[in-house]
């Protein structure tokens, strides 16, 4: 898992660098202080920081694992089908994302993102309990309120309302 994290971290660091470099080709209007490249630059920097955190964490874990393997002998344990086990939840997450994108037109952004956030949290964290579901609903509500005020009110960007609620 640590090697996968290292590879994925390097891949996302490379992607964030490409996106950041690509933003310099955006036109800059003379009137605006923050042009159209501002938000993509912020997102690519954020992605790069998270990639660096993932890379450093995986390197730390690899070093720790190497030390532990030198000190003690690993016991044989039953091996599960790691290919199927490791792919099942990400595939379900991608299917949920596709469903969210296709239903966004009908139900709008606010209902869609709350539902998507709850579903994706349940898929990616299989330890299900009512306490965790309540916490997820609270997090989804905070997320949507933040997004609404940031984009809807502060930046005056209309969020999709959907056909059902028009």
Protein backbone atom coordinates (compact mmCIF):
# COMPACT_ATOMS: atom_id res chain seq x y z
CA UNK A 1 0.00 0.00 0.00
CA UNK A 2 2.87 2.36 0.75
CA UNK A 3 4.37 1.89 -2.71
CA UNK A 4 0.96 2.63 -4.28
CA UNK A 5 0.67 5.79 -2.19
CA UNK A 6 4.15 6.85 -3.27
CA UNK A 7 3.37 6.30 -6.95
CA UNK A 8 -0.02 8.03 -6.71
CA UNK A 9 1.54 10.95 -4.80
CA UNK A 10 4.20 11.38 -7.49
CA UNK A 11 1.53 11.19 -10.21
CA UNK A 12 -0.63 13.85 -8.57
CA UNK A 13 2.40 16.05 -7.94
CA UNK A 14 3.22 15.83 -11.65
CA UNK A 15 -0.41 16.60 -12.59
CA UNK A 16 -0.53 19.59 -10.24
CA UNK A 17 2.68 20.96 -11.76
CA UNK A 18 1.25 20.55 -15.27
CA UNK A 19 -1.98 22.32 -14.31
CA UNK A 20 -0.09 25.12 -12.58
CA UNK A 21 2.11 25.67 -15.64
CA UNK A 22 -0.95 25.57 -17.92
CA UNK A 23 -2.59 28.41 -15.99
CA UNK A 24 0.07 30.86 -17.17
CA UNK A 25 -1.42 30.68 -20.66
CA UNK A 26 -4.79 32.03 -19.41
CA UNK A 27 -5.60 35.57 -20.52
CA UNK A 28 -5.40 38.18 -17.76
CA UNK A 29 -7.95 41.00 -17.89
CA UNK A 30 -6.47 44.38 -16.94
CA UNK A 31 -9.31 45.29 -14.55
CA UNK A 32 -9.40 42.23 -12.29
CA UNK A 33 -6.84 41.63 -9.57
CA UNK A 34 -7.47 37.89 -9.64
CA UNK A 35 -7.92 36.70 -13.19
CA UNK A 36 -9.32 33.43 -14.49
CA UNK A 37 -6.09 31.59 -13.60
CA UNK A 38 -6.36 32.36 -9.87
CA UNK A 39 -8.69 29.53 -8.80
CA UNK A 40 -6.98 26.81 -10.91
CA UNK A 41 -3.63 27.92 -9.48
CA UNK A 42 -4.99 27.65 -5.93
CA UNK A 43 -6.38 24.19 -6.68
CA UNK A 44 -3.16 22.97 -8.31
CA UNK A 45 -1.09 24.24 -5.37
CA UNK A 46 -3.48 22.50 -2.96
CA UNK A 47 -3.24 19.28 -4.96
CA UNK A 48 0.56 19.57 -4.96
CA UNK A 49 0.66 20.07 -1.19
CA UNK A 50 -1.56 17.04 -0.60
CA UNK A 51 0.59 15.01 -3.00
CA UNK A 52 3.72 16.00 -1.09
CA UNK A 53 2.06 15.00 2.19
CA UNK A 54 1.12 11.63 0.69
CA UNK A 55 4.66 11.12 -0.65
CA UNK A 56 6.29 12.00 2.67
CA UNK A 57 3.85 9.81 4.61
CA UNK A 58 4.47 6.82 2.35
CA UNK A 59 8.26 7.25 2.56
CA UNK A 60 8.01 7.45 6.37
CA UNK A 61 5.83 4.32 6.47
CA UNK A 62 8.22 2.46 4.15
CA UNK A 63 11.17 3.29 6.40
CA UNK A 64 9.21 2.27 9.48
CA UNK A 65 8.13 -0.99 7.83
CA UNK A 66 11.70 -1.75 6.79
CA UNK A 67 12.91 -1.27 10.37
CA UNK A 68 10.14 -3.47 11.73
CA UNK A 69 10.93 -6.24 9.25
CA UNK A 70 14.58 -6.27 10.32
CA UNK A 71 13.71 -6.48 14.03
CA UNK A 72 11.06 -9.20 13.94
CA UNK A 73 10.16 -12.04 11.63
CA UNK A 74 6.82 -11.75 9.98
CA UNK A 75 4.37 -14.53 10.71
CA UNK A 76 2.55 -16.19 7.88
CA UNK A 77 -1.02 -15.05 7.68
CA UNK A 78 -3.94 -15.90 5.48
CA UNK A 79 -3.86 -13.84 2.33
CA UNK A 80 -7.04 -12.37 0.96
CA UNK A 81 -7.70 -11.54 -2.63
CA UNK A 82 -6.16 -8.07 -2.41
CA UNK A 83 -6.87 -7.20 -6.03
CA UNK A 84 -10.63 -7.56 -5.64
CA UNK A 85 -10.63 -6.13 -2.13
CA UNK A 86 -8.59 -3.08 -3.13
CA UNK A 87 -10.60 -2.22 -6.24
CA UNK A 88 -14.18 -2.75 -5.08
CA UNK A 89 -14.69 0.48 -3.10
CA UNK A 90 -12.91 2.85 -5.55
CA UNK A 91 -15.00 1.43 -8.42
CA UNK A 92 -18.16 1.95 -6.38
CA UNK A 93 -16.96 5.50 -5.67
CA UNK A 94 -16.46 6.17 -9.37
CA UNK A 95 -19.93 4.79 -10.10
CA UNK A 96 -21.38 7.08 -7.41
CA UNK A 97 -19.54 10.02 -8.98
CA UNK A 98 -20.96 9.16 -12.41
CA UNK A 99 -24.44 8.91 -10.91
CA UNK A 100 -23.97 12.27 -9.16
CA UNK A 101 -22.91 13.95 -12.41
CA UNK A 102 -25.83 12.49 -14.35
CA UNK A 103 -28.42 13.41 -11.69
CA UNK A 104 -27.03 16.90 -11.08
CA UNK A 105 -29.13 18.21 -13.98
CA UNK A 106 -32.34 16.91 -12.40
CA UNK A 107 -31.92 17.55 -8.67
CA UNK A 108 -29.51 20.48 -8.60
CA UNK A 109 -26.26 21.04 -6.80
CA UNK A 110 -27.39 21.42 -3.19
CA UNK A 111 -29.45 18.21 -2.96
CA UNK A 112 -26.98 16.38 -5.20
CA UNK A 113 -23.80 17.23 -3.28
CA UNK A 114 -25.31 16.41 0.12
CA UNK A 115 -26.54 13.03 -1.15
CA UNK A 116 -23.25 12.36 -2.95
CA UNK A 117 -21.19 13.25 0.12
CA UNK A 118 -23.20 10.89 2.32
CA UNK A 119 -23.08 8.03 -0.21
CA UNK A 120 -19.36 8.40 -0.95
CA UNK A 121 -18.56 8.50 2.78
CA UNK A 122 -20.51 5.29 3.38
CA UNK A 123 -18.83 3.60 0.39
CA UNK A 124 -15.30 4.57 1.33
CA UNK A 125 -15.74 3.95 5.07
CA UNK A 126 -17.56 0.64 5.49
CA UNK A 127 -17.80 0.85 9.31
CA UNK A 128 -21.40 2.00 9.36
CA UNK A 129 -23.15 3.27 12.50
CA UNK A 130 -25.83 5.82 13.30
CA UNK A 131 -23.30 8.01 15.07
CA UNK A 132 -21.09 8.04 11.98
CA UNK A 133 -24.08 8.71 9.71
CA UNK A 134 -25.12 11.65 11.90
CA UNK A 135 -21.58 13.04 11.76
CA UNK A 136 -21.56 12.61 7.97
CA UNK A 137 -24.86 14.50 7.63
CA UNK A 138 -23.48 17.33 9.79
CA UNK A 139 -20.29 17.46 7.68
CA UNK A 140 -22.34 17.47 4.46
CA UNK A 141 -24.47 20.34 5.79
CA UNK A 142 -21.40 22.38 6.73
CA UNK A 143 -19.89 21.64 3.31
CA UNK A 144 -22.96 22.77 1.38
CA UNK A 145 -23.43 25.91 3.50
CA UNK A 146 -19.78 26.82 2.93
CA UNK A 147 -20.01 26.17 -0.82
CA UNK A 148 -23.28 28.09 -1.08
CA UNK A 149 -21.94 31.19 0.66
CA UNK A 150 -18.55 31.04 -1.05
CA UNK A 151 -19.83 30.59 -4.61
CA UNK A 152 -23.48 31.67 -4.47
CA UNK A 153 -23.18 34.77 -2.33
CA UNK A 154 -19.53 35.85 -2.26
CA UNK A 155 -18.53 35.10 -5.87
CA UNK A 156 -22.08 35.47 -7.32
CA UNK A 157 -21.92 32.18 -9.21
CA UNK A 158 -25.27 30.54 -9.75
CA UNK A 159 -25.29 26.94 -8.54
CA UNK A 160 -27.39 24.49 -10.60
CA UNK A 161 -30.92 24.24 -9.17
CA UNK A 162 -32.10 21.28 -11.22
CA UNK A 163 -35.23 20.64 -13.23
CA UNK A 164 -37.19 19.25 -10.28
CA UNK A 165 -36.83 22.44 -8.23
CA UNK A 166 -37.31 25.01 -11.01
